[in-house]
Amino acid sequence: MSAMKLSRRLFLGGAGAAIALPFLESLRPRRARGGAAEAPKRFLAYYVPCGMVMSRWTPAATGAAWAATPILEPLDTPALRPKLSILSGLDNRPGRSDGGGDH
């Protein structure tokens, strides 16, 4: 048997590949393990800087038996209705045009 000569270039190339293997394995897509993840909770808020006509957004009745206004009809589904909360009565009185905070 003869001794195999290993050039510096071949050694450095092999060493670089050996060092990169754990890193390349981490780039593989991971498979999910365990149970299905719970759906994330969502929060939706409308901000209208110049105001809005609240009578079109606020249902007349309170509680679970509220009747949807035309603007809220797309949200009035059996899946969304139990999860939907409509807040009203939030007001920025100092920001009204007759107050000192309207600038």
PDB file of N, CA and C in Angstrom:
ATOM      1  N   MET A   1       0.836  -1.180   0.000  1.00  0.00           N
ATOM      2  CA  MET A   1       0.000   0.000   0.000  1.00  0.00           C
ATOM      3  C   MET A   1       0.872   1.229   0.000  1.00  0.00           C
ATOM      4  N   SER A   2       0.473   2.147  -0.813  1.00  0.00           N
ATOM      5  CA  SER A   2       1.225   3.400  -0.852  1.00  0.00           C
ATOM      6  C   SER A   2       0.489   4.460  -0.043  1.00  0.00           C
ATOM      7  N   ALA A   3       1.234   5.373   0.505  1.00  0.00           N
ATOM      8  CA  ALA A   3       0.644   6.466   1.292  1.00  0.00           C
ATOM      9  C   ALA A   3       0.012   7.472   0.331  1.00  0.00           C
ATOM     10  N   MET A   4      -1.222   7.881   0.635  1.00  0.00           N
ATOM     11  CA  MET A   4      -1.923   8.842  -0.225  1.00  0.00           C
ATOM     12  C   MET A   4      -1.511  10.252   0.176  1.00  0.00           C
ATOM     13  N   LYS A   5      -1.132  11.028  -0.828  1.00  0.00           N
ATOM     14  CA  LYS A   5      -0.769  12.407  -0.547  1.00  0.00           C
ATOM     15  C   LYS A   5      -2.030  13.252  -0.512  1.00  0.00           C
ATOM     16  N   LEU A   6      -2.127  14.112   0.457  1.00  0.00           N
ATOM     17  CA  LEU A   6      -3.282  14.989   0.612  1.00  0.00           C
ATOM     18  C   LEU A   6      -2.797  16.421   0.439  1.00  0.00           C
ATOM     19  N   SER A   7      -3.234  17.057  -0.649  1.00  0.00           N
ATOM     20  CA  SER A   7      -2.801  18.434  -0.885  1.00  0.00           C
ATOM     21  C   SER A   7      -3.502  19.379   0.094  1.00  0.00           C
ATOM     22  N   ARG A   8      -2.912  20.522   0.253  1.00  0.00           N
ATOM     23  CA  ARG A   8      -3.479  21.529   1.170  1.00  0.00           C
ATOM     24  C   ARG A   8      -4.859  21.965   0.684  1.00  0.00           C
ATOM     25  N   ARG A   9      -5.014  22.147  -0.610  1.00  0.00           N
ATOM     26  CA  ARG A   9      -6.289  22.584  -1.186  1.00  0.00           C
ATOM     27  C   ARG A   9      -7.387  21.549  -0.935  1.00  0.00           C
ATOM     28  N   LEU A  10      -7.084  20.281  -1.119  1.00  0.00           N
ATOM     29  CA  LEU A  10      -8.052  19.213  -0.886  1.00  0.00           C
ATOM     30  C   LEU A  10      -8.422  19.131   0.600  1.00  0.00           C
ATOM     31  N   PHE A  11      -7.435  19.298   1.472  1.00  0.00           N
ATOM     32  CA  PHE A  11      -7.696  19.263   2.908  1.00  0.00           C
ATOM     33  C   PHE A  11      -8.600  20.423   3.331  1.00  0.00           C
ATOM     34  N   LEU A  12      -8.304  21.641   2.867  1.00  0.00           N
ATOM     35  CA  LEU A  12      -9.115  22.802   3.248  1.00  0.00           C
ATOM     36  C   LEU A  12     -10.528  22.706   2.681  1.00  0.00           C
ATOM     37  N   GLY A  13     -10.673  22.190   1.474  1.00  0.00           N
ATOM     38  CA  GLY A  13     -12.008  22.004   0.896  1.00  0.00           C
ATOM     39  C   GLY A  13     -12.833  21.006   1.695  1.00  0.00           C
ATOM     40  N   GLY A  14     -12.216  19.902   2.079  1.00  0.00           N
ATOM     41  CA  GLY A  14     -12.914  18.901   2.888  1.00  0.00           C
ATOM     42  C   GLY A  14     -13.250  19.422   4.275  1.00  0.00           C
ATOM     43  N   ALA A  15     -12.347  20.176   4.878  1.00  0.00           N
ATOM     44  CA  ALA A  15     -12.599  20.737   6.208  1.00  0.00           C
ATOM     45  C   ALA A  15     -13.736  21.754   6.146  1.00  0.00           C
ATOM     46  N   GLY A  16     -13.762  22.565   5.101  1.00  0.00           N
ATOM     47  CA  GLY A  16     -14.852  23.543   4.949  1.00  0.00           C
ATOM     48  C   GLY A  16     -16.201  22.866   4.794  1.00  0.00           C
ATOM     49  N   ALA A  17     -16.236  21.788   4.016  1.00  0.00           N
ATOM     50  CA  ALA A  17     -17.493  21.050   3.842  1.00  0.00           C
ATOM     51  C   ALA A  17     -17.926  20.404   5.154  1.00  0.00           C
ATOM     52  N   ALA A  18     -16.991  19.875   5.914  1.00  0.00           N
ATOM     53  CA  ALA A  18     -17.329  19.231   7.185  1.00  0.00           C
ATOM     54  C   ALA A  18     -17.860  20.249   8.194  1.00  0.00           C
ATOM     55  N   ILE A  19     -17.299  21.442   8.183  1.00  0.00           N
ATOM     56  CA  ILE A  19     -17.759  22.486   9.104  1.00  0.00           C
ATOM     57  C   ILE A  19     -19.138  22.995   8.691  1.00  0.00           C
ATOM     58  N   ALA A  20     -19.420  23.051   7.383  1.00  0.00           N
ATOM     59  CA  ALA A  20     -20.687  23.602   6.889  1.00  0.00           C
ATOM     60  C   ALA A  20     -21.853  22.631   7.001  1.00  0.00           C
ATOM     61  N   LEU A  21     -21.613  21.350   7.179  1.00  0.00           N
ATOM     62  CA  LEU A  21     -22.709  20.377   7.213  1.00  0.00           C
ATOM     63  C   LEU A  21     -23.756  20.666   8.287  1.00  0.00           C
ATOM     64  N   PRO A  22     -23.400  20.946   9.534  1.00  0.00           N
ATOM     65  CA  PRO A  22     -24.456  21.250  10.522  1.00  0.00           C
ATOM     66  C   PRO A  22     -25.259  22.497  10.148  1.00  0.00           C
ATOM     67  N   PHE A  23     -24.604  23.484   9.575  1.00  0.00           N
ATOM     68  CA  PHE A  23     -25.305  24.700   9.162  1.00  0.00           C
ATOM     69  C   PHE A  23     -26.276  24.405   8.027  1.00  0.00           C
ATOM     70  N   LEU A  24     -25.868  23.630   7.048  1.00  0.00           N
ATOM     71  CA  LEU A  24     -26.736  23.307   5.920  1.00  0.00           C
ATOM     72  C   LEU A  24     -27.936  22.479   6.366  1.00  0.00           C
ATOM     73  N   GLU A  25     -27.759  21.640   7.357  1.00  0.00           N
ATOM     74  CA  GLU A  25     -28.866  20.837   7.866  1.00  0.00           C
ATOM     75  C   GLU A  25     -29.923  21.730   8.511  1.00  0.00           C
ATOM     76  N   SER A  26     -29.499  22.838   9.106  1.00  0.00           N
ATOM     77  CA  SER A  26     -30.462  23.738   9.744  1.00  0.00           C
ATOM     78  C   SER A  26     -31.296  24.504   8.718  1.00  0.00           C
ATOM     79  N   LEU A  27     -30.889  24.521   7.467  1.00  0.00           N
ATOM     80  CA  LEU A  27     -31.652  25.210   6.424  1.00  0.00           C
ATOM     81  C   LEU A  27     -32.792  24.361   5.875  1.00  0.00           C
ATOM     82  N   ARG A  28     -32.795  23.091   6.215  1.00  0.00           N
ATOM     83  CA  ARG A  28     -33.844  22.190   5.768  1.00  0.00           C
ATOM     84  C   ARG A  28     -35.186  22.617   6.344  1.00  0.00           C
ATOM     85  N   PRO A  29     -36.289  22.474   5.587  1.00  0.00           N
ATOM     86  CA  PRO A  29     -37.599  22.779   6.177  1.00  0.00           C
ATOM     87  C   PRO A  29     -37.882  21.830   7.338  1.00  0.00           C
ATOM     88  N   ARG A  30     -38.404  22.385   8.400  1.00  0.00           N
ATOM     89  CA  ARG A  30     -38.694  21.567   9.578  1.00  0.00           C
ATOM     90  C   ARG A  30     -40.095  21.005   9.477  1.00  0.00           C
ATOM     91  N   ARG A  31     -40.258  19.848  10.006  1.00  0.00           N
ATOM     92  CA  ARG A  31     -41.575  19.227  10.050  1.00  0.00           C
ATOM     93  C   ARG A  31     -42.180  19.516  11.412  1.00  0.00           C
ATOM     94  N   ALA A  32     -43.460  19.769  11.391  1.00  0.00           N
ATOM     95  CA  ALA A  32     -44.156  20.068  12.644  1.00  0.00           C
ATOM     96  C   ALA A  32     -44.195  18.832  13.524  1.00  0.00           C
ATOM     97  N   ARG A  33     -44.045  19.056  14.789  1.00  0.00           N
ATOM     98  CA  ARG A  33     -44.118  17.963  15.752  1.00  0.00           C
ATOM     99  C   ARG A  33     -45.125  18.342  16.817  1.00  0.00           C
ATOM    100  N   GLY A  34     -45.839  17.389  17.276  1.00  0.00           N
ATOM    101  CA  GLY A  34     -46.813  17.646  18.322  1.00  0.00           C
ATOM    102  C   GLY A  34     -48.168  17.973  17.730  1.00  0.00           C
ATOM    103  N   GLY A  35     -49.036  18.522  18.563  1.00  0.00           N
ATOM    104  CA  GLY A  35     -50.401  18.839  18.154  1.00  0.00           C
ATOM    105  C   GLY A  35     -50.461  20.091  17.301  1.00  0.00           C
ATOM    106  N   ALA A  36     -51.630  20.322  16.761  1.00  0.00           N
ATOM    107  CA  ALA A  36     -51.842  21.503  15.932  1.00  0.00           C
ATOM    108  C   ALA A  36     -51.788  22.752  16.805  1.00  0.00           C
ATOM    109  N   ALA A  37     -51.232  23.793  16.258  1.00  0.00           N
ATOM    110  CA  ALA A  37     -51.114  25.047  17.002  1.00  0.00           C
ATOM    111  C   ALA A  37     -52.474  25.729  17.106  1.00  0.00           C
ATOM    112  N   GLU A  38     -52.673  26.417  18.197  1.00  0.00           N
ATOM    113  CA  GLU A  38     -53.912  27.162  18.407  1.00  0.00           C
ATOM    114  C   GLU A  38     -53.899  28.393  17.507  1.00  0.00           C
ATOM    115  N   ALA A  39     -55.043  28.720  16.943  1.00  0.00           N
ATOM    116  CA  ALA A  39     -55.132  29.888  16.067  1.00  0.00           C
ATOM    117  C   ALA A  39     -54.822  31.150  16.871  1.00  0.00           C
ATOM    118  N   PRO A  40     -54.079  32.098  16.285  1.00  0.00           N
ATOM    119  CA  PRO A  40     -53.747  33.316  17.027  1.00  0.00           C
ATOM    120  C   PRO A  40     -54.979  34.189  17.250  1.00  0.00           C
ATOM    121  N   LYS A  41     -55.006  34.887  18.368  1.00  0.00           N
ATOM    122  CA  LYS A  41     -56.103  35.808  18.646  1.00  0.00           C
ATOM    123  C   LYS A  41     -55.864  37.081  17.856  1.00  0.00           C
ATOM    124  N   ARG A  42     -56.931  37.659  17.373  1.00  0.00           N
ATOM    125  CA  ARG A  42     -56.834  38.855  16.537  1.00  0.00           C
ATOM    126  C   ARG A  42     -57.521  40.025  17.221  1.00  0.00           C
ATOM    127  N   PHE A  43     -57.052  41.223  16.933  1.00  0.00           N
ATOM    128  CA  PHE A  43     -57.669  42.447  17.432  1.00  0.00           C
ATOM    129  C   PHE A  43     -57.791  43.392  16.248  1.00  0.00           C
ATOM    130  N   LEU A  44     -58.976  43.937  16.058  1.00  0.00           N
ATOM    131  CA  LEU A  44     -59.222  44.861  14.957  1.00  0.00           C
ATOM    132  C   LEU A  44     -59.801  46.135  15.541  1.00  0.00           C
ATOM    133  N   ALA A  45     -59.231  47.251  15.170  1.00  0.00           N
ATOM    134  CA  ALA A  45     -59.737  48.545  15.617  1.00  0.00           C
ATOM    135  C   ALA A  45     -59.743  49.484  14.417  1.00  0.00           C
ATOM    136  N   TYR A  46     -60.760  50.305  14.345  1.00  0.00           N
ATOM    137  CA  TYR A  46     -60.844  51.313  13.295  1.00  0.00           C
ATOM    138  C   TYR A  46     -60.425  52.650  13.880  1.00  0.00           C
ATOM    139  N   TYR A  47     -59.568  53.350  13.184  1.00  0.00           N
ATOM    140  CA  TYR A  47     -59.199  54.706  13.573  1.00  0.00           C
ATOM    141  C   TYR A  47     -59.542  55.608  12.403  1.00  0.00           C
ATOM    142  N   VAL A  48     -60.402  56.541  12.644  1.00  0.00           N
ATOM    143  CA  VAL A  48     -60.794  57.501  11.617  1.00  0.00           C
ATOM    144  C   VAL A  48     -60.499  58.881  12.189  1.00  0.00           C
ATOM    145  N   PRO A  49     -59.462  59.553  11.708  1.00  0.00           N
ATOM    146  CA  PRO A  49     -59.042  60.800  12.337  1.00  0.00           C
ATOM    147  C   PRO A  49     -60.075  61.921  12.271  1.00  0.00           C
ATOM    148  N   CYS A  50     -60.928  61.930  11.284  1.00  0.00           N
ATOM    149  CA  CYS A  50     -61.915  63.007  11.170  1.00  0.00           C
ATOM    150  C   CYS A  50     -63.284  62.586  11.687  1.00  0.00           C
ATOM    151  N   GLY A  51     -63.373  61.437  12.290  1.00  0.00           N
ATOM    152  CA  GLY A  51     -64.632  60.973  12.858  1.00  0.00           C
ATOM    153  C   GLY A  51     -65.429  60.126  11.886  1.00  0.00           C
ATOM    154  N   MET A  52     -66.511  59.545  12.398  1.00  0.00           N
ATOM    155  CA  MET A  52     -67.403  58.733  11.578  1.00  0.00           C
ATOM    156  C   MET A  52     -68.815  58.872  12.118  1.00  0.00           C
ATOM    157  N   VAL A  53     -69.781  58.487  11.310  1.00  0.00           N
ATOM    158  CA  VAL A  53     -71.178  58.550  11.721  1.00  0.00           C
ATOM    159  C   VAL A  53     -71.433  57.325  12.597  1.00  0.00           C
ATOM    160  N   MET A  54     -71.433  57.526  13.903  1.00  0.00           N
ATOM    161  CA  MET A  54     -71.524  56.402  14.837  1.00  0.00           C
ATOM    162  C   MET A  54     -72.867  55.683  14.779  1.00  0.00           C
ATOM    163  N   SER A  55     -73.925  56.366  14.365  1.00  0.00           N
ATOM    164  CA  SER A  55     -75.229  55.702  14.296  1.00  0.00           C
ATOM    165  C   SER A  55     -75.228  54.575  13.264  1.00  0.00           C
ATOM    166  N   ARG A  56     -74.337  54.627  12.300  1.00  0.00           N
ATOM    167  CA  ARG A  56     -74.247  53.555  11.301  1.00  0.00           C
ATOM    168  C   ARG A  56     -73.388  52.393  11.785  1.00  0.00           C
ATOM    169  N   TRP A  57     -72.601  52.613  12.807  1.00  0.00           N
ATOM    170  CA  TRP A  57     -71.715  51.582  13.335  1.00  0.00           C
ATOM    171  C   TRP A  57     -72.242  50.955  14.622  1.00  0.00           C
ATOM    172  N   THR A  58     -73.083  51.651  15.354  1.00  0.00           N
ATOM    173  CA  THR A  58     -73.539  51.183  16.660  1.00  0.00           C
ATOM    174  C   THR A  58     -74.899  50.515  16.545  1.00  0.00           C
ATOM    175  N   PRO A  59     -75.035  49.257  16.940  1.00  0.00           N
ATOM    176  CA  PRO A  59     -76.345  48.596  16.929  1.00  0.00           C
ATOM    177  C   PRO A  59     -77.276  49.244  17.959  1.00  0.00           C
ATOM    178  N   ALA A  60     -78.576  49.166  17.691  1.00  0.00           N
ATOM    179  CA  ALA A  60     -79.557  49.765  18.603  1.00  0.00           C
ATOM    180  C   ALA A  60     -79.658  48.971  19.896  1.00  0.00           C
ATOM    181  N   ALA A  61     -79.601  47.657  19.822  1.00  0.00           N
ATOM    182  CA  ALA A  61     -79.728  46.813  21.016  1.00  0.00           C
ATOM    183  C   ALA A  61     -78.349  46.433  21.537  1.00  0.00           C
ATOM    184  N   THR A  62     -78.269  46.188  22.834  1.00  0.00           N
ATOM    185  CA  THR A  62     -77.017  45.739  23.434  1.00  0.00           C
ATOM    186  C   THR A  62     -77.133  44.268  23.804  1.00  0.00           C
ATOM    187  N   GLY A  63     -76.018  43.663  24.107  1.00  0.00           N
ATOM    188  CA  GLY A  63     -76.018  42.252  24.482  1.00  0.00           C
ATOM    189  C   GLY A  63     -75.929  41.350  23.260  1.00  0.00           C
ATOM    190  N   ALA A  64     -76.252  40.083  23.457  1.00  0.00           N
ATOM    191  CA  ALA A  64     -76.107  39.084  22.392  1.00  0.00           C
ATOM    192  C   ALA A  64     -77.162  39.216  21.302  1.00  0.00           C
ATOM    193  N   ALA A  65     -78.249  39.935  21.556  1.00  0.00           N
ATOM    194  CA  ALA A  65     -79.349  40.022  20.582  1.00  0.00           C
ATOM    195  C   ALA A  65     -79.282  41.291  19.739  1.00  0.00           C
ATOM    196  N   TRP A  66     -78.112  41.838  19.525  1.00  0.00           N
ATOM    197  CA  TRP A  66     -78.014  43.071  18.752  1.00  0.00           C
ATOM    198  C   TRP A  66     -78.329  42.823  17.281  1.00  0.00           C
ATOM    199  N   ALA A  67     -78.934  43.828  16.650  1.00  0.00           N
ATOM    200  CA  ALA A  67     -79.253  43.754  15.216  1.00  0.00           C
ATOM    201  C   ALA A  67     -78.169  44.510  14.453  1.00  0.00           C
ATOM    202  N   ALA A  68     -77.641  43.880  13.429  1.00  0.00           N
ATOM    203  CA  ALA A  68     -76.542  44.477  12.672  1.00  0.00           C
ATOM    204  C   ALA A  68     -77.026  45.639  11.822  1.00  0.00           C
ATOM    205  N   THR A  69     -76.250  46.705  11.817  1.00  0.00           N
ATOM    206  CA  THR A  69     -76.507  47.828  10.916  1.00  0.00           C
ATOM    207  C   THR A  69     -75.960  47.443   9.542  1.00  0.00           C
ATOM    208  N   PRO A  70     -76.319  48.172   8.477  1.00  0.00           N
ATOM    209  CA  PRO A  70     -75.819  47.798   7.144  1.00  0.00           C
ATOM    210  C   PRO A  70     -74.291  47.714   7.060  1.00  0.00           C
ATOM    211  N   ILE A  71     -73.580  48.545   7.799  1.00  0.00           N
ATOM    212  CA  ILE A  71     -72.115  48.497   7.759  1.00  0.00           C
ATOM    213  C   ILE A  71     -71.594  47.244   8.465  1.00  0.00           C
ATOM    214  N   LEU A  72     -72.285  46.796   9.506  1.00  0.00           N
ATOM    215  CA  LEU A  72     -71.832  45.629  10.273  1.00  0.00           C
ATOM    216  C   LEU A  72     -72.319  44.299   9.712  1.00  0.00           C
ATOM    217  N   GLU A  73     -73.187  44.312   8.706  1.00  0.00           N
ATOM    218  CA  GLU A  73     -73.734  43.062   8.166  1.00  0.00           C
ATOM    219  C   GLU A  73     -72.671  42.065   7.693  1.00  0.00           C
ATOM    220  N   PRO A  74     -71.573  42.490   7.052  1.00  0.00           N
ATOM    221  CA  PRO A  74     -70.565  41.488   6.661  1.00  0.00           C
ATOM    222  C   PRO A  74     -69.936  40.757   7.852  1.00  0.00           C
ATOM    223  N   LEU A  75     -69.956  41.362   9.030  1.00  0.00           N
ATOM    224  CA  LEU A  75     -69.392  40.724  10.220  1.00  0.00           C
ATOM    225  C   LEU A  75     -70.413  39.883  10.972  1.00  0.00           C
ATOM    226  N   ASP A  76     -71.672  39.952  10.574  1.00  0.00           N
ATOM    227  CA  ASP A  76     -72.747  39.249  11.271  1.00  0.00           C
ATOM    228  C   ASP A  76     -72.904  37.841  10.703  1.00  0.00           C
ATOM    229  N   THR A  77     -71.941  36.982  11.014  1.00  0.00           N
ATOM    230  CA  THR A  77     -71.984  35.581  10.592  1.00  0.00           C
ATOM    231  C   THR A  77     -72.044  34.704  11.841  1.00  0.00           C
ATOM    232  N   PRO A  78     -72.564  33.485  11.726  1.00  0.00           N
ATOM    233  CA  PRO A  78     -72.616  32.605  12.909  1.00  0.00           C
ATOM    234  C   PRO A  78     -71.241  32.335  13.523  1.00  0.00           C
ATOM    235  N   ALA A  79     -70.193  32.360  12.704  1.00  0.00           N
ATOM    236  CA  ALA A  79     -68.855  32.099  13.238  1.00  0.00           C
ATOM    237  C   ALA A  79     -68.285  33.311  13.969  1.00  0.00           C
ATOM    238  N   LEU A  80     -68.587  34.520  13.492  1.00  0.00           N
ATOM    239  CA  LEU A  80     -68.001  35.721  14.082  1.00  0.00           C
ATOM    240  C   LEU A  80     -68.838  36.342  15.190  1.00  0.00           C
ATOM    241  N   ARG A  81     -70.127  36.221  15.104  1.00  0.00           N
ATOM    242  CA  ARG A  81     -71.006  36.921  16.050  1.00  0.00           C
ATOM    243  C   ARG A  81     -70.677  36.634  17.523  1.00  0.00           C
ATOM    244  N   PRO A  82     -70.441  35.381  17.936  1.00  0.00           N
ATOM    245  CA  PRO A  82     -70.112  35.152  19.353  1.00  0.00           C
ATOM    246  C   PRO A  82     -68.768  35.748  19.777  1.00  0.00           C
ATOM    247  N   LYS A  83     -67.897  36.010  18.817  1.00  0.00           N
ATOM    248  CA  LYS A  83     -66.560  36.516  19.131  1.00  0.00           C
ATOM    249  C   LYS A  83     -66.451  38.032  18.978  1.00  0.00           C
ATOM    250  N   LEU A  84     -67.505  38.675  18.530  1.00  0.00           N
ATOM    251  CA  LEU A  84     -67.455  40.093  18.184  1.00  0.00           C
ATOM    252  C   LEU A  84     -67.903  40.951  19.358  1.00  0.00           C
ATOM    253  N   SER A  85     -67.126  41.971  19.668  1.00  0.00           N
ATOM    254  CA  SER A  85     -67.485  42.959  20.692  1.00  0.00           C
ATOM    255  C   SER A  85     -67.485  44.328  20.039  1.00  0.00           C
ATOM    256  N   ILE A  86     -68.566  45.051  20.185  1.00  0.00           N
ATOM    257  CA  ILE A  86     -68.672  46.391  19.614  1.00  0.00           C
ATOM    258  C   ILE A  86     -68.730  47.370  20.776  1.00  0.00           C
ATOM    259  N   LEU A  87     -67.747  48.234  20.846  1.00  0.00           N
ATOM    260  CA  LEU A  87     -67.675  49.224  21.914  1.00  0.00           C
ATOM    261  C   LEU A  87     -68.199  50.551  21.396  1.00  0.00           C
ATOM    262  N   SER A  88     -68.964  51.225  22.209  1.00  0.00           N
ATOM    263  CA  SER A  88     -69.455  52.557  21.848  1.00  0.00           C
ATOM    264  C   SER A  88     -69.391  53.435  23.090  1.00  0.00           C
ATOM    265  N   GLY A  89     -69.619  54.715  22.895  1.00  0.00           N
ATOM    266  CA  GLY A  89     -69.577  55.642  24.015  1.00  0.00           C
ATOM    267  C   GLY A  89     -68.179  56.150  24.325  1.00  0.00           C
ATOM    268  N   LEU A  90     -67.208  55.786  23.520  1.00  0.00           N
ATOM    269  CA  LEU A  90     -65.857  56.310  23.707  1.00  0.00           C
ATOM    270  C   LEU A  90     -65.789  57.646  22.979  1.00  0.00           C
ATOM    271  N   ASP A  91     -65.479  58.686  23.685  1.00  0.00           N
ATOM    272  CA  ASP A  91     -65.557  60.016  23.092  1.00  0.00           C
ATOM    273  C   ASP A  91     -64.375  60.854  23.557  1.00  0.00           C
ATOM    274  N   ASN A  92     -63.917  61.730  22.693  1.00  0.00           N
ATOM    275  CA  ASN A  92     -62.858  62.677  23.018  1.00  0.00           C
ATOM    276  C   ASN A  92     -63.485  64.064  23.089  1.00  0.00           C
ATOM    277  N   ARG A  93     -64.173  64.331  24.166  1.00  0.00           N
ATOM    278  CA  ARG A  93     -64.887  65.605  24.289  1.00  0.00           C
ATOM    279  C   ARG A  93     -63.962  66.817  24.183  1.00  0.00           C
ATOM    280  N   PRO A  94     -62.761  66.811  24.747  1.00  0.00           N
ATOM    281  CA  PRO A  94     -61.905  67.989  24.571  1.00  0.00           C
ATOM    282  C   PRO A  94     -61.512  68.229  23.117  1.00  0.00           C
ATOM    283  N   GLY A  95     -61.622  67.216  22.275  1.00  0.00           N
ATOM    284  CA  GLY A  95     -61.254  67.375  20.879  1.00  0.00           C
ATOM    285  C   GLY A  95     -62.365  67.917  20.003  1.00  0.00           C
ATOM    286  N   ARG A  96     -63.517  68.174  20.564  1.00  0.00           N
ATOM    287  CA  ARG A  96     -64.617  68.727  19.771  1.00  0.00           C
ATOM    288  C   ARG A  96     -64.312  70.168  19.390  1.00  0.00           C
ATOM    289  N   SER A  97     -64.992  70.635  18.369  1.00  0.00           N
ATOM    290  CA  SER A  97     -64.696  71.977  17.848  1.00  0.00           C
ATOM    291  C   SER A  97     -65.038  73.088  18.830  1.00  0.00           C
ATOM    292  N   ASP A  98     -65.894  72.817  19.819  1.00  0.00           N
ATOM    293  CA  ASP A  98     -66.237  73.869  20.771  1.00  0.00           C
ATOM    294  C   ASP A  98     -65.347  73.840  22.014  1.00  0.00           C
ATOM    295  N   GLY A  99     -64.387  72.923  22.072  1.00  0.00           N
ATOM    296  CA  GLY A  99     -63.508  72.813  23.230  1.00  0.00           C
ATOM    297  C   GLY A  99     -62.133  73.390  22.946  1.00  0.00           C
ATOM    298  N   GLY A 100     -61.297  73.342  23.949  1.00  0.00           N
ATOM    299  CA  GLY A 100     -59.958  73.912  23.799  1.00  0.00           C
ATOM    300  C   GLY A 100     -58.955  72.961  23.178  1.00  0.00           C
ATOM    301  N   GLY A 101     -59.310  71.709  22.990  1.00  0.00           N
ATOM    302  CA  GLY A 101     -58.349  70.735  22.473  1.00  0.00           C
ATOM    303  C   GLY A 101     -58.559  70.392  21.017  1.00  0.00           C
ATOM    304  N   ASP A 102     -59.208  71.260  20.255  1.00  0.00           N
ATOM    305  CA  ASP A 102     -59.519  70.929  18.862  1.00  0.00           C
ATOM    306  C   ASP A 102     -58.408  71.314  17.901  1.00  0.00           C
ATOM    307  N   HIS A 103     -57.310  71.749  18.384  1.00  0.00           N
ATOM    308  CA  HIS A 103     -56.226  72.133  17.490  1.00  0.00           C
ATOM    309  C   HIS A 103     -55.286  71.030  17.427  1.00  0.00           C
TER     310      HIS A 103
END
